[in-house]
């Protein structure tokens, strides 16, 4: 989150909107954002786990925590088409932030 926070102004200047989605409650999001010193983008609640299910990143392999999301990034164009995806793995638990922003800028520029 903090990496995307630091890149938010550049992203916005290039027509890229950043949104974060979590299965946690809105109250949890508020506390999380406060703990990080604030976030310039919206944290969207997916408490019913519809988005994580629809996007294929729902995890049900953690005992007692049904419906967690795998850390993932989706770049979606203005028409709502997913143009690029990154999903965490043991080998790559964090995305290449430069690659994400570069790809998002390209998608935004294409209109």
PDB file of N, CA and C in Angstrom:
ATOM      1  N   UNK A   1       0.815  -1.194   0.000  1.00  0.00           N
ATOM      2  CA  UNK A   1       0.000   0.000   0.000  1.00  0.00           C
ATOM      3  C   UNK A   1       0.859   1.259   0.000  1.00  0.00           C
ATOM      4  N   UNK A   2       1.906   1.250   0.809  1.00  0.00           N
ATOM      5  CA  UNK A   2       2.720   2.449   0.897  1.00  0.00           C
ATOM      6  C   UNK A   2       3.466   2.706  -0.411  1.00  0.00           C
ATOM      7  N   UNK A   3       3.829   1.654  -1.113  1.00  0.00           N
ATOM      8  CA  UNK A   3       4.505   1.831  -2.405  1.00  0.00           C
ATOM      9  C   UNK A   3       3.551   2.493  -3.406  1.00  0.00           C
ATOM     10  N   UNK A   4       2.311   2.050  -3.445  1.00  0.00           N
ATOM     11  CA  UNK A   4       1.339   2.673  -4.340  1.00  0.00           C
ATOM     12  C   UNK A   4       0.976   4.079  -3.867  1.00  0.00           C
ATOM     13  N   UNK A   5       0.980   4.294  -2.573  1.00  0.00           N
ATOM     14  CA  UNK A   5       0.731   5.647  -2.053  1.00  0.00           C
ATOM     15  C   UNK A   5       1.804   6.597  -2.581  1.00  0.00           C
ATOM     16  N   UNK A   6       3.056   6.165  -2.561  1.00  0.00           N
ATOM     17  CA  UNK A   6       4.146   7.032  -3.008  1.00  0.00           C
ATOM     18  C   UNK A   6       4.118   7.273  -4.514  1.00  0.00           C
ATOM     19  N   UNK A   7       3.424   6.430  -5.257  1.00  0.00           N
ATOM     20  CA  UNK A   7       3.352   6.575  -6.713  1.00  0.00           C
ATOM     21  C   UNK A   7       2.009   7.134  -7.187  1.00  0.00           C
ATOM     22  N   UNK A   8       1.133   7.461  -6.262  1.00  0.00           N
ATOM     23  CA  UNK A   8      -0.221   7.858  -6.618  1.00  0.00           C
ATOM     24  C   UNK A   8      -0.275   9.121  -7.475  1.00  0.00           C
ATOM     25  N   UNK A   9       0.477  10.151  -7.126  1.00  0.00           N
ATOM     26  CA  UNK A   9       0.429  11.403  -7.889  1.00  0.00           C
ATOM     27  C   UNK A   9       0.859  11.188  -9.330  1.00  0.00           C
ATOM     28  N   UNK A  10       1.932  10.443  -9.532  1.00  0.00           N
ATOM     29  CA  UNK A  10       2.397  10.135 -10.885  1.00  0.00           C
ATOM     30  C   UNK A  10       1.338   9.340 -11.636  1.00  0.00           C
ATOM     31  N   UNK A  11       0.741   8.370 -10.961  1.00  0.00           N
ATOM     32  CA  UNK A  11      -0.298   7.557 -11.597  1.00  0.00           C
ATOM     33  C   UNK A  11      -1.470   8.433 -12.026  1.00  0.00           C
ATOM     34  N   UNK A  12      -1.961   9.281 -11.124  1.00  0.00           N
ATOM     35  CA  UNK A  12      -3.089  10.156 -11.445  1.00  0.00           C
ATOM     36  C   UNK A  12      -2.769  11.094 -12.606  1.00  0.00           C
ATOM     37  N   UNK A  13      -1.559  11.624 -12.623  1.00  0.00           N
ATOM     38  CA  UNK A  13      -1.146  12.526 -13.691  1.00  0.00           C
ATOM     39  C   UNK A  13      -1.145  11.827 -15.050  1.00  0.00           C
ATOM     40  N   UNK A  14      -1.062  10.510 -15.032  1.00  0.00           N
ATOM     41  CA  UNK A  14      -1.043   9.725 -16.271  1.00  0.00           C
ATOM     42  C   UNK A  14      -2.361   8.986 -16.518  1.00  0.00           C
ATOM     43  N   UNK A  15      -3.424   9.410 -15.845  1.00  0.00           N
ATOM     44  CA  UNK A  15      -4.737   8.845 -16.090  1.00  0.00           C
ATOM     45  C   UNK A  15      -5.001   7.506 -15.441  1.00  0.00           C
ATOM     46  N   UNK A  16      -4.212   7.163 -14.420  1.00  0.00           N
ATOM     47  CA  UNK A  16      -4.347   5.872 -13.747  1.00  0.00           C
ATOM     48  C   UNK A  16      -4.978   6.093 -12.379  1.00  0.00           C
ATOM     49  N   UNK A  17      -6.043   5.379 -12.098  1.00  0.00           N
ATOM     50  CA  UNK A  17      -6.663   5.405 -10.780  1.00  0.00           C
ATOM     51  C   UNK A  17      -6.255   4.168 -10.002  1.00  0.00           C
ATOM     52  N   UNK A  18      -5.935   4.340  -8.746  1.00  0.00           N
ATOM     53  CA  UNK A  18      -5.550   3.218  -7.889  1.00  0.00           C
ATOM     54  C   UNK A  18      -6.646   3.005  -6.859  1.00  0.00           C
ATOM     55  N   UNK A  19      -7.065   1.762  -6.717  1.00  0.00           N
ATOM     56  CA  UNK A  19      -8.068   1.369  -5.728  1.00  0.00           C
ATOM     57  C   UNK A  19      -7.576   0.109  -5.053  1.00  0.00           C
ATOM     58  N   UNK A  20      -7.863  -0.026  -3.793  1.00  0.00           N
ATOM     59  CA  UNK A  20      -7.504  -1.237  -3.051  1.00  0.00           C
ATOM     60  C   UNK A  20      -8.791  -1.906  -2.589  1.00  0.00           C
ATOM     61  N   UNK A  21      -8.810  -3.216  -2.653  1.00  0.00           N
ATOM     62  CA  UNK A  21      -9.986  -3.983  -2.245  1.00  0.00           C
ATOM     63  C   UNK A  21      -9.554  -5.003  -1.205  1.00  0.00           C
ATOM     64  N   UNK A  22     -10.360  -5.125  -0.164  1.00  0.00           N
ATOM     65  CA  UNK A  22     -10.073  -6.076   0.899  1.00  0.00           C
ATOM     66  C   UNK A  22     -11.369  -6.676   1.405  1.00  0.00           C
ATOM     67  N   UNK A  23     -11.279  -7.901   1.909  1.00  0.00           N
ATOM     68  CA  UNK A  23     -12.462  -8.554   2.482  1.00  0.00           C
ATOM     69  C   UNK A  23     -12.724  -8.083   3.908  1.00  0.00           C
ATOM     70  N   UNK A  24     -11.868  -7.229   4.422  1.00  0.00           N
ATOM     71  CA  UNK A  24     -12.058  -6.698   5.769  1.00  0.00           C
ATOM     72  C   UNK A  24     -13.176  -5.657   5.772  1.00  0.00           C
ATOM     73  N   UNK A  25     -13.621  -5.308   6.955  1.00  0.00           N
ATOM     74  CA  UNK A  25     -14.704  -4.341   7.101  1.00  0.00           C
ATOM     75  C   UNK A  25     -14.227  -2.923   6.819  1.00  0.00           C
ATOM     76  N   UNK A  26     -15.179  -2.040   6.572  1.00  0.00           N
ATOM     77  CA  UNK A  26     -14.877  -0.630   6.353  1.00  0.00           C
ATOM     78  C   UNK A  26     -14.166  -0.051   7.580  1.00  0.00           C
ATOM     79  N   UNK A  27     -14.572  -0.463   8.766  1.00  0.00           N
ATOM     80  CA  UNK A  27     -13.942   0.019   9.997  1.00  0.00           C
ATOM     81  C   UNK A  27     -12.482  -0.421  10.067  1.00  0.00           C
ATOM     82  N   UNK A  28     -12.225  -1.644   9.646  1.00  0.00           N
ATOM     83  CA  UNK A  28     -10.852  -2.153   9.597  1.00  0.00           C
ATOM     84  C   UNK A  28     -10.033  -1.347   8.591  1.00  0.00           C
ATOM     85  N   UNK A  29     -10.625  -1.007   7.459  1.00  0.00           N
ATOM     86  CA  UNK A  29      -9.936  -0.203   6.445  1.00  0.00           C
ATOM     87  C   UNK A  29      -9.551   1.155   7.006  1.00  0.00           C
ATOM     88  N   UNK A  30     -10.465   1.775   7.734  1.00  0.00           N
ATOM     89  CA  UNK A  30     -10.183   3.084   8.310  1.00  0.00           C
ATOM     90  C   UNK A  30      -9.010   3.011   9.278  1.00  0.00           C
ATOM     91  N   UNK A  31      -9.002   1.987  10.121  1.00  0.00           N
ATOM     92  CA  UNK A  31      -7.911   1.818  11.084  1.00  0.00           C
ATOM     93  C   UNK A  31      -6.594   1.536  10.367  1.00  0.00           C
ATOM     94  N   UNK A  32      -6.644   0.706   9.330  1.00  0.00           N
ATOM     95  CA  UNK A  32      -5.452   0.362   8.559  1.00  0.00           C
ATOM     96  C   UNK A  32      -4.866   1.600   7.885  1.00  0.00           C
ATOM     97  N   UNK A  33      -5.720   2.389   7.238  1.00  0.00           N
ATOM     98  CA  UNK A  33      -5.251   3.602   6.570  1.00  0.00           C
ATOM     99  C   UNK A  33      -4.649   4.574   7.580  1.00  0.00           C
ATOM    100  N   UNK A  34      -5.274   4.704   8.729  1.00  0.00           N
ATOM    101  CA  UNK A  34      -4.755   5.591   9.779  1.00  0.00           C
ATOM    102  C   UNK A  34      -3.386   5.106  10.256  1.00  0.00           C
ATOM    103  N   UNK A  35      -3.254   3.797  10.429  1.00  0.00           N
ATOM    104  CA  UNK A  35      -1.983   3.204  10.876  1.00  0.00           C
ATOM    105  C   UNK A  35      -0.864   3.494   9.876  1.00  0.00           C
ATOM    106  N   UNK A  36      -1.210   3.557   8.597  1.00  0.00           N
ATOM    107  CA  UNK A  36      -0.218   3.827   7.557  1.00  0.00           C
ATOM    108  C   UNK A  36       0.036   5.318   7.357  1.00  0.00           C
ATOM    109  N   UNK A  37      -0.669   6.156   8.094  1.00  0.00           N
ATOM    110  CA  UNK A  37      -0.507   7.600   7.941  1.00  0.00           C
ATOM    111  C   UNK A  37      -1.369   8.171   6.834  1.00  0.00           C
ATOM    112  N   UNK A  38      -2.400   7.447   6.451  1.00  0.00           N
ATOM    113  CA  UNK A  38      -3.322   7.892   5.412  1.00  0.00           C
ATOM    114  C   UNK A  38      -2.989   7.315   4.054  1.00  0.00           C
ATOM    115  N   UNK A  39      -4.021   7.174   3.246  1.00  0.00           N
ATOM    116  CA  UNK A  39      -3.864   6.695   1.874  1.00  0.00           C
ATOM    117  C   UNK A  39      -4.641   7.623   0.950  1.00  0.00           C
ATOM    118  N   UNK A  40      -4.068   7.987  -0.206  1.00  0.00           N
ATOM    119  CA  UNK A  40      -4.740   8.916  -1.114  1.00  0.00           C
ATOM    120  C   UNK A  40      -5.726   8.246  -2.069  1.00  0.00           C
ATOM    121  N   UNK A  41      -5.936   6.958  -1.905  1.00  0.00           N
ATOM    122  CA  UNK A  41      -6.883   6.247  -2.761  1.00  0.00           C
ATOM    123  C   UNK A  41      -7.871   5.482  -1.899  1.00  0.00           C
ATOM    124  N   UNK A  42      -8.947   5.053  -2.533  1.00  0.00           N
ATOM    125  CA  UNK A  42     -10.044   4.414  -1.820  1.00  0.00           C
ATOM    126  C   UNK A  42      -9.750   2.951  -1.494  1.00  0.00           C
ATOM    127  N   UNK A  43     -10.136   2.553  -0.300  1.00  0.00           N
ATOM    128  CA  UNK A  43     -10.110   1.143   0.109  1.00  0.00           C
ATOM    129  C   UNK A  43     -11.549   0.640   0.009  1.00  0.00           C
ATOM    130  N   UNK A  44     -11.777  -0.312  -0.855  1.00  0.00           N
ATOM    131  CA  UNK A  44     -13.115  -0.834  -1.109  1.00  0.00           C
ATOM    132  C   UNK A  44     -13.324  -2.113  -0.311  1.00  0.00           C
ATOM    133  N   UNK A  45     -14.442  -2.201   0.358  1.00  0.00           N
ATOM    134  CA  UNK A  45     -14.755  -3.376   1.155  1.00  0.00           C
ATOM    135  C   UNK A  45     -15.451  -4.449   0.335  1.00  0.00           C
ATOM    136  N   UNK A  46     -14.957  -5.658   0.426  1.00  0.00           N
ATOM    137  CA  UNK A  46     -15.570  -6.821  -0.237  1.00  0.00           C
ATOM    138  C   UNK A  46     -15.923  -7.834   0.846  1.00  0.00           C
ATOM    139  N   UNK A  47     -16.650  -7.342   1.836  1.00  0.00           N
ATOM    140  CA  UNK A  47     -16.967  -8.156   3.003  1.00  0.00           C
ATOM    141  C   UNK A  47     -17.715  -9.430   2.629  1.00  0.00           C
ATOM    142  N   UNK A  48     -18.522  -9.383   1.563  1.00  0.00           N
ATOM    143  CA  UNK A  48     -19.272 -10.562   1.130  1.00  0.00           C
ATOM    144  C   UNK A  48     -18.454 -11.474   0.221  1.00  0.00           C
ATOM    145  N   UNK A  49     -17.231 -11.064  -0.078  1.00  0.00           N
ATOM    146  CA  UNK A  49     -16.282 -11.852  -0.872  1.00  0.00           C
ATOM    147  C   UNK A  49     -16.726 -12.094  -2.316  1.00  0.00           C
ATOM    148  N   UNK A  50     -17.520 -11.203  -2.859  1.00  0.00           N
ATOM    149  CA  UNK A  50     -17.993 -11.344  -4.234  1.00  0.00           C
ATOM    150  C   UNK A  50     -16.879 -11.048  -5.236  1.00  0.00           C
ATOM    151  N   UNK A  51     -16.144  -9.977  -5.003  1.00  0.00           N
ATOM    152  CA  UNK A  51     -15.097  -9.602  -5.955  1.00  0.00           C
ATOM    153  C   UNK A  51     -13.951 -10.604  -5.962  1.00  0.00           C
ATOM    154  N   UNK A  52     -13.523 -11.043  -4.779  1.00  0.00           N
ATOM    155  CA  UNK A  52     -12.413 -12.005  -4.751  1.00  0.00           C
ATOM    156  C   UNK A  52     -12.816 -13.317  -5.405  1.00  0.00           C
ATOM    157  N   UNK A  53     -14.076 -13.659  -5.302  1.00  0.00           N
ATOM    158  CA  UNK A  53     -14.577 -14.870  -5.967  1.00  0.00           C
ATOM    159  C   UNK A  53     -14.654 -14.640  -7.475  1.00  0.00           C
ATOM    160  N   UNK A  54     -15.261 -13.528  -7.897  1.00  0.00           N
ATOM    161  CA  UNK A  54     -15.416 -13.232  -9.322  1.00  0.00           C
ATOM    162  C   UNK A  54     -14.080 -13.090 -10.047  1.00  0.00           C
ATOM    163  N   UNK A  55     -13.072 -12.550  -9.367  1.00  0.00           N
ATOM    164  CA  UNK A  55     -11.766 -12.360  -9.996  1.00  0.00           C
ATOM    165  C   UNK A  55     -10.840 -13.563  -9.822  1.00  0.00           C
ATOM    166  N   UNK A  56     -11.324 -14.600  -9.172  1.00  0.00           N
ATOM    167  CA  UNK A  56     -10.561 -15.839  -9.066  1.00  0.00           C
ATOM    168  C   UNK A  56      -9.377 -15.795  -8.123  1.00  0.00           C
ATOM    169  N   UNK A  57      -9.442 -14.929  -7.105  1.00  0.00           N
ATOM    170  CA  UNK A  57      -8.326 -14.825  -6.167  1.00  0.00           C
ATOM    171  C   UNK A  57      -8.744 -15.181  -4.732  1.00  0.00           C
ATOM    172  N   UNK A  58      -9.873 -15.825  -4.601  1.00  0.00           N
ATOM    173  CA  UNK A  58     -10.369 -16.232  -3.280  1.00  0.00           C
ATOM    174  C   UNK A  58      -9.562 -17.426  -2.786  1.00  0.00           C
ATOM    175  N   UNK A  59      -9.189 -17.366  -1.514  1.00  0.00           N
ATOM    176  CA  UNK A  59      -8.475 -18.468  -0.858  1.00  0.00           C
ATOM    177  C   UNK A  59      -9.373 -19.083   0.201  1.00  0.00           C
ATOM    178  N   UNK A  60      -9.478 -20.380   0.157  1.00  0.00           N
ATOM    179  CA  UNK A  60     -10.221 -21.113   1.173  1.00  0.00           C
ATOM    180  C   UNK A  60      -9.344 -22.195   1.793  1.00  0.00           C
ATOM    181  N   UNK A  61      -8.027 -22.002   1.685  1.00  0.00           N
ATOM    182  CA  UNK A  61      -7.078 -23.011   2.166  1.00  0.00           C
ATOM    183  C   UNK A  61      -6.485 -22.697   3.539  1.00  0.00           C
ATOM    184  N   UNK A  62      -6.960 -21.641   4.185  1.00  0.00           N
ATOM    185  CA  UNK A  62      -6.459 -21.257   5.501  1.00  0.00           C
ATOM    186  C   UNK A  62      -7.553 -21.566   6.523  1.00  0.00           C
ATOM    187  N   UNK A  63      -7.294 -22.526   7.380  1.00  0.00           N
ATOM    188  CA  UNK A  63      -8.298 -22.953   8.364  1.00  0.00           C
ATOM    189  C   UNK A  63      -8.804 -21.764   9.183  1.00  0.00           C
ATOM    190  N   UNK A  64     -10.128 -21.631   9.235  1.00  0.00           N
ATOM    191  CA  UNK A  64     -10.744 -20.572  10.026  1.00  0.00           C
ATOM    192  C   UNK A  64     -10.854 -19.240   9.322  1.00  0.00           C
ATOM    193  N   UNK A  65     -10.354 -19.139   8.096  1.00  0.00           N
ATOM    194  CA  UNK A  65     -10.373 -17.871   7.363  1.00  0.00           C
ATOM    195  C   UNK A  65     -10.884 -18.070   5.942  1.00  0.00           C
ATOM    196  N   UNK A  66     -12.096 -18.505   5.806  1.00  0.00           N
ATOM    197  CA  UNK A  66     -12.675 -18.755   4.497  1.00  0.00           C
ATOM    198  C   UNK A  66     -12.859 -17.453   3.724  1.00  0.00           C
ATOM    199  N   UNK A  67     -12.406 -17.447   2.489  1.00  0.00           N
ATOM    200  CA  UNK A  67     -12.632 -16.311   1.614  1.00  0.00           C
ATOM    201  C   UNK A  67     -11.594 -15.221   1.662  1.00  0.00           C
ATOM    202  N   UNK A  68     -10.411 -15.504   2.164  1.00  0.00           N
ATOM    203  CA  UNK A  68      -9.337 -14.518   2.084  1.00  0.00           C
ATOM    204  C   UNK A  68      -8.971 -14.293   0.622  1.00  0.00           C
ATOM    205  N   UNK A  69      -8.362 -13.174   0.341  1.00  0.00           N
ATOM    206  CA  UNK A  69      -7.925 -12.893  -1.025  1.00  0.00           C
ATOM    207  C   UNK A  69      -6.432 -13.103  -1.156  1.00  0.00           C
ATOM    208  N   UNK A  70      -6.021 -13.628  -2.299  1.00  0.00           N
ATOM    209  CA  UNK A  70      -4.590 -13.649  -2.611  1.00  0.00           C
ATOM    210  C   UNK A  70      -4.213 -12.231  -3.012  1.00  0.00           C
ATOM    211  N   UNK A  71      -3.037 -11.805  -2.628  1.00  0.00           N
ATOM    212  CA  UNK A  71      -2.576 -10.476  -3.034  1.00  0.00           C
ATOM    213  C   UNK A  71      -2.517 -10.462  -4.558  1.00  0.00           C
ATOM    214  N   UNK A  72      -3.183  -9.504  -5.153  1.00  0.00           N
ATOM    215  CA  UNK A  72      -3.269  -9.482  -6.607  1.00  0.00           C
ATOM    216  C   UNK A  72      -3.473  -8.067  -7.116  1.00  0.00           C
ATOM    217  N   UNK A  73      -3.153  -7.879  -8.388  1.00  0.00           N
ATOM    218  CA  UNK A  73      -3.312  -6.582  -9.041  1.00  0.00           C
ATOM    219  C   UNK A  73      -3.988  -6.820 -10.384  1.00  0.00           C
ATOM    220  N   UNK A  74      -4.998  -6.031 -10.658  1.00  0.00           N
ATOM    221  CA  UNK A  74      -5.688  -6.083 -11.937  1.00  0.00           C
ATOM    222  C   UNK A  74      -5.659  -4.698 -12.545  1.00  0.00           C
ATOM    223  N   UNK A  75      -5.205  -4.607 -13.778  1.00  0.00           N
ATOM    224  CA  UNK A  75      -5.264  -3.346 -14.507  1.00  0.00           C
ATOM    225  C   UNK A  75      -6.442  -3.472 -15.459  1.00  0.00           C
ATOM    226  N   UNK A  76      -7.387  -2.566 -15.278  1.00  0.00           N
ATOM    227  CA  UNK A  76      -8.649  -2.622 -15.999  1.00  0.00           C
ATOM    228  C   UNK A  76      -8.786  -1.351 -16.830  1.00  0.00           C
ATOM    229  N   UNK A  77      -9.130  -1.507 -18.099  1.00  0.00           N
ATOM    230  CA  UNK A  77      -9.261  -0.330 -18.955  1.00  0.00           C
ATOM    231  C   UNK A  77     -10.601   0.372 -18.727  1.00  0.00           C
ATOM    232  N   UNK A  78     -10.808   1.463 -19.420  1.00  0.00           N
ATOM    233  CA  UNK A  78     -12.016   2.268 -19.234  1.00  0.00           C
ATOM    234  C   UNK A  78     -13.298   1.522 -19.599  1.00  0.00           C
ATOM    235  N   UNK A  79     -13.177   0.494 -20.438  1.00  0.00           N
ATOM    236  CA  UNK A  79     -14.343  -0.304 -20.836  1.00  0.00           C
ATOM    237  C   UNK A  79     -14.619  -1.434 -19.848  1.00  0.00           C
ATOM    238  N   UNK A  80     -13.779  -1.551 -18.812  1.00  0.00           N
ATOM    239  CA  UNK A  80     -13.978  -2.589 -17.808  1.00  0.00           C
ATOM    240  C   UNK A  80     -13.334  -3.922 -18.149  1.00  0.00           C
ATOM    241  N   UNK A  81     -12.443  -3.929 -19.142  1.00  0.00           N
ATOM    242  CA  UNK A  81     -11.761  -5.148 -19.559  1.00  0.00           C
ATOM    243  C   UNK A  81     -10.442  -5.278 -18.797  1.00  0.00           C
ATOM    244  N   UNK A  82     -10.211  -6.445 -18.203  1.00  0.00           N
ATOM    245  CA  UNK A  82      -8.946  -6.690 -17.510  1.00  0.00           C
ATOM    246  C   UNK A  82      -7.852  -6.829 -18.566  1.00  0.00           C
ATOM    247  N   UNK A  83      -6.854  -5.959 -18.490  1.00  0.00           N
ATOM    248  CA  UNK A  83      -5.768  -5.933 -19.473  1.00  0.00           C
ATOM    249  C   UNK A  83      -4.468  -6.539 -18.970  1.00  0.00           C
ATOM    250  N   UNK A  84      -4.341  -6.642 -17.649  1.00  0.00           N
ATOM    251  CA  UNK A  84      -3.083  -7.155 -17.085  1.00  0.00           C
ATOM    252  C   UNK A  84      -3.366  -7.636 -15.676  1.00  0.00           C
ATOM    253  N   UNK A  85      -2.717  -8.733 -15.283  1.00  0.00           N
ATOM    254  CA  UNK A  85      -2.952  -9.309 -13.966  1.00  0.00           C
ATOM    255  C   UNK A  85      -1.634  -9.768 -13.342  1.00  0.00           C
ATOM    256  N   UNK A  86      -1.536  -9.558 -12.048  1.00  0.00           N
ATOM    257  CA  UNK A  86      -0.454 -10.131 -11.256  1.00  0.00           C
ATOM    258  C   UNK A  86      -1.095 -10.747 -10.019  1.00  0.00           C
ATOM    259  N   UNK A  87      -0.730 -11.999  -9.713  1.00  0.00           N
ATOM    260  CA  UNK A  87      -1.231 -12.670  -8.520  1.00  0.00           C
ATOM    261  C   UNK A  87      -0.031 -13.229  -7.766  1.00  0.00           C
ATOM    262  N   UNK A  88       0.001 -12.985  -6.468  1.00  0.00           N
ATOM    263  CA  UNK A  88       1.149 -13.396  -5.657  1.00  0.00           C
ATOM    264  C   UNK A  88       1.347 -14.906  -5.693  1.00  0.00           C
ATOM    265  N   UNK A  89       2.589 -15.279  -5.482  1.00  0.00           N
ATOM    266  CA  UNK A  89       2.970 -16.690  -5.366  1.00  0.00           C
ATOM    267  C   UNK A  89       4.091 -16.771  -4.344  1.00  0.00           C
ATOM    268  N   UNK A  90       4.473 -17.964  -3.990  1.00  0.00           N
ATOM    269  CA  UNK A  90       5.603 -18.103  -3.057  1.00  0.00           C
ATOM    270  C   UNK A  90       6.873 -17.509  -3.637  1.00  0.00           C
ATOM    271  N   UNK A  91       7.028 -17.663  -4.947  1.00  0.00           N
ATOM    272  CA  UNK A  91       8.218 -17.135  -5.616  1.00  0.00           C
ATOM    273  C   UNK A  91       8.174 -15.618  -5.754  1.00  0.00           C
ATOM    274  N   UNK A  92       6.991 -15.062  -5.914  1.00  0.00           N
ATOM    275  CA  UNK A  92       6.824 -13.619  -6.101  1.00  0.00           C
ATOM    276  C   UNK A  92       5.742 -13.098  -5.163  1.00  0.00           C
ATOM    277  N   UNK A  93       6.088 -12.906  -3.883  1.00  0.00           N
ATOM    278  CA  UNK A  93       5.079 -12.426  -2.922  1.00  0.00           C
ATOM    279  C   UNK A  93       4.748 -10.945  -3.085  1.00  0.00           C
ATOM    280  N   UNK A  94       5.614 -10.190  -3.765  1.00  0.00           N
ATOM    281  CA  UNK A  94       5.398  -8.759  -4.012  1.00  0.00           C
ATOM    282  C   UNK A  94       5.510  -8.492  -5.506  1.00  0.00           C
ATOM    283  N   UNK A  95       4.709  -7.570  -6.017  1.00  0.00           N
ATOM    284  CA  UNK A  95       4.794  -7.254  -7.452  1.00  0.00           C
ATOM    285  C   UNK A  95       6.008  -6.389  -7.757  1.00  0.00           C
ATOM    286  N   UNK A  96       6.353  -6.325  -9.017  1.00  0.00           N
ATOM    287  CA  UNK A  96       7.351  -5.373  -9.507  1.00  0.00           C
ATOM    288  C   UNK A  96       6.585  -4.067  -9.720  1.00  0.00           C
ATOM    289  N   UNK A  97       6.677  -3.159  -8.771  1.00  0.00           N
ATOM    290  CA  UNK A  97       5.876  -1.939  -8.793  1.00  0.00           C
ATOM    291  C   UNK A  97       6.140  -1.089 -10.032  1.00  0.00           C
ATOM    292  N   UNK A  98       7.388  -1.045 -10.485  1.00  0.00           N
ATOM    293  CA  UNK A  98       7.689  -0.293 -11.699  1.00  0.00           C
ATOM    294  C   UNK A  98       6.937  -0.882 -12.888  1.00  0.00           C
ATOM    295  N   UNK A  99       6.911  -2.209 -12.994  1.00  0.00           N
ATOM    296  CA  UNK A  99       6.207  -2.870 -14.096  1.00  0.00           C
ATOM    297  C   UNK A  99       4.708  -2.614 -14.018  1.00  0.00           C
ATOM    298  N   UNK A 100       4.155  -2.627 -12.820  1.00  0.00           N
ATOM    299  CA  UNK A 100       2.719  -2.383 -12.647  1.00  0.00           C
ATOM    300  C   UNK A 100       2.355  -0.980 -13.124  1.00  0.00           C
ATOM    301  N   UNK A 101       3.082   0.011 -12.663  1.00  0.00           N
ATOM    302  CA  UNK A 101       2.775   1.399 -13.039  1.00  0.00           C
ATOM    303  C   UNK A 101       3.008   1.625 -14.523  1.00  0.00           C
ATOM    304  N   UNK A 102       4.082   1.066 -15.078  1.00  0.00           N
ATOM    305  CA  UNK A 102       4.337   1.196 -16.509  1.00  0.00           C
ATOM    306  C   UNK A 102       3.205   0.601 -17.325  1.00  0.00           C
ATOM    307  N   UNK A 103       2.765  -0.589 -16.961  1.00  0.00           N
ATOM    308  CA  UNK A 103       1.664  -1.235 -17.673  1.00  0.00           C
ATOM    309  C   UNK A 103       0.372  -0.438 -17.526  1.00  0.00           C
ATOM    310  N   UNK A 104       0.103   0.070 -16.330  1.00  0.00           N
ATOM    311  CA  UNK A 104      -1.113   0.854 -16.111  1.00  0.00           C
ATOM    312  C   UNK A 104      -1.093   2.133 -16.959  1.00  0.00           C
ATOM    313  N   UNK A 105       0.042   2.772 -17.048  1.00  0.00           N
ATOM    314  CA  UNK A 105       0.165   3.989 -17.876  1.00  0.00           C
ATOM    315  C   UNK A 105      -0.104   3.675 -19.339  1.00  0.00           C
ATOM    316  N   UNK A 106       0.401   2.544 -19.800  1.00  0.00           N
ATOM    317  CA  UNK A 106       0.186   2.155 -21.202  1.00  0.00           C
ATOM    318  C   UNK A 106      -1.295   1.901 -21.473  1.00  0.00           C
ATOM    319  N   UNK A 107      -1.951   1.221 -20.562  1.00  0.00           N
ATOM    320  CA  UNK A 107      -3.379   0.949 -20.723  1.00  0.00           C
ATOM    321  C   UNK A 107      -4.168   2.262 -20.697  1.00  0.00           C
ATOM    322  N   UNK A 108      -3.813   3.164 -19.782  1.00  0.00           N
ATOM    323  CA  UNK A 108      -4.505   4.459 -19.693  1.00  0.00           C
ATOM    324  C   UNK A 108      -4.299   5.275 -20.961  1.00  0.00           C
ATOM    325  N   UNK A 109      -3.089   5.264 -21.498  1.00  0.00           N
ATOM    326  CA  UNK A 109      -2.792   6.034 -22.701  1.00  0.00           C
ATOM    327  C   UNK A 109      -3.533   5.497 -23.929  1.00  0.00           C
ATOM    328  N   UNK A 110      -3.795   4.198 -23.930  1.00  0.00           N
ATOM    329  CA  UNK A 110      -4.490   3.590 -25.071  1.00  0.00           C
ATOM    330  C   UNK A 110      -5.976   3.948 -25.087  1.00  0.00           C
ATOM    331  N   UNK A 111      -6.429   4.471 -23.944  1.00  0.00           N
ATOM    332  CA  UNK A 111      -7.797   4.962 -23.882  1.00  0.00           C
ATOM    333  C   UNK A 111      -8.758   3.924 -23.502  1.00  0.00           C
TER     334      UNK A 111
END
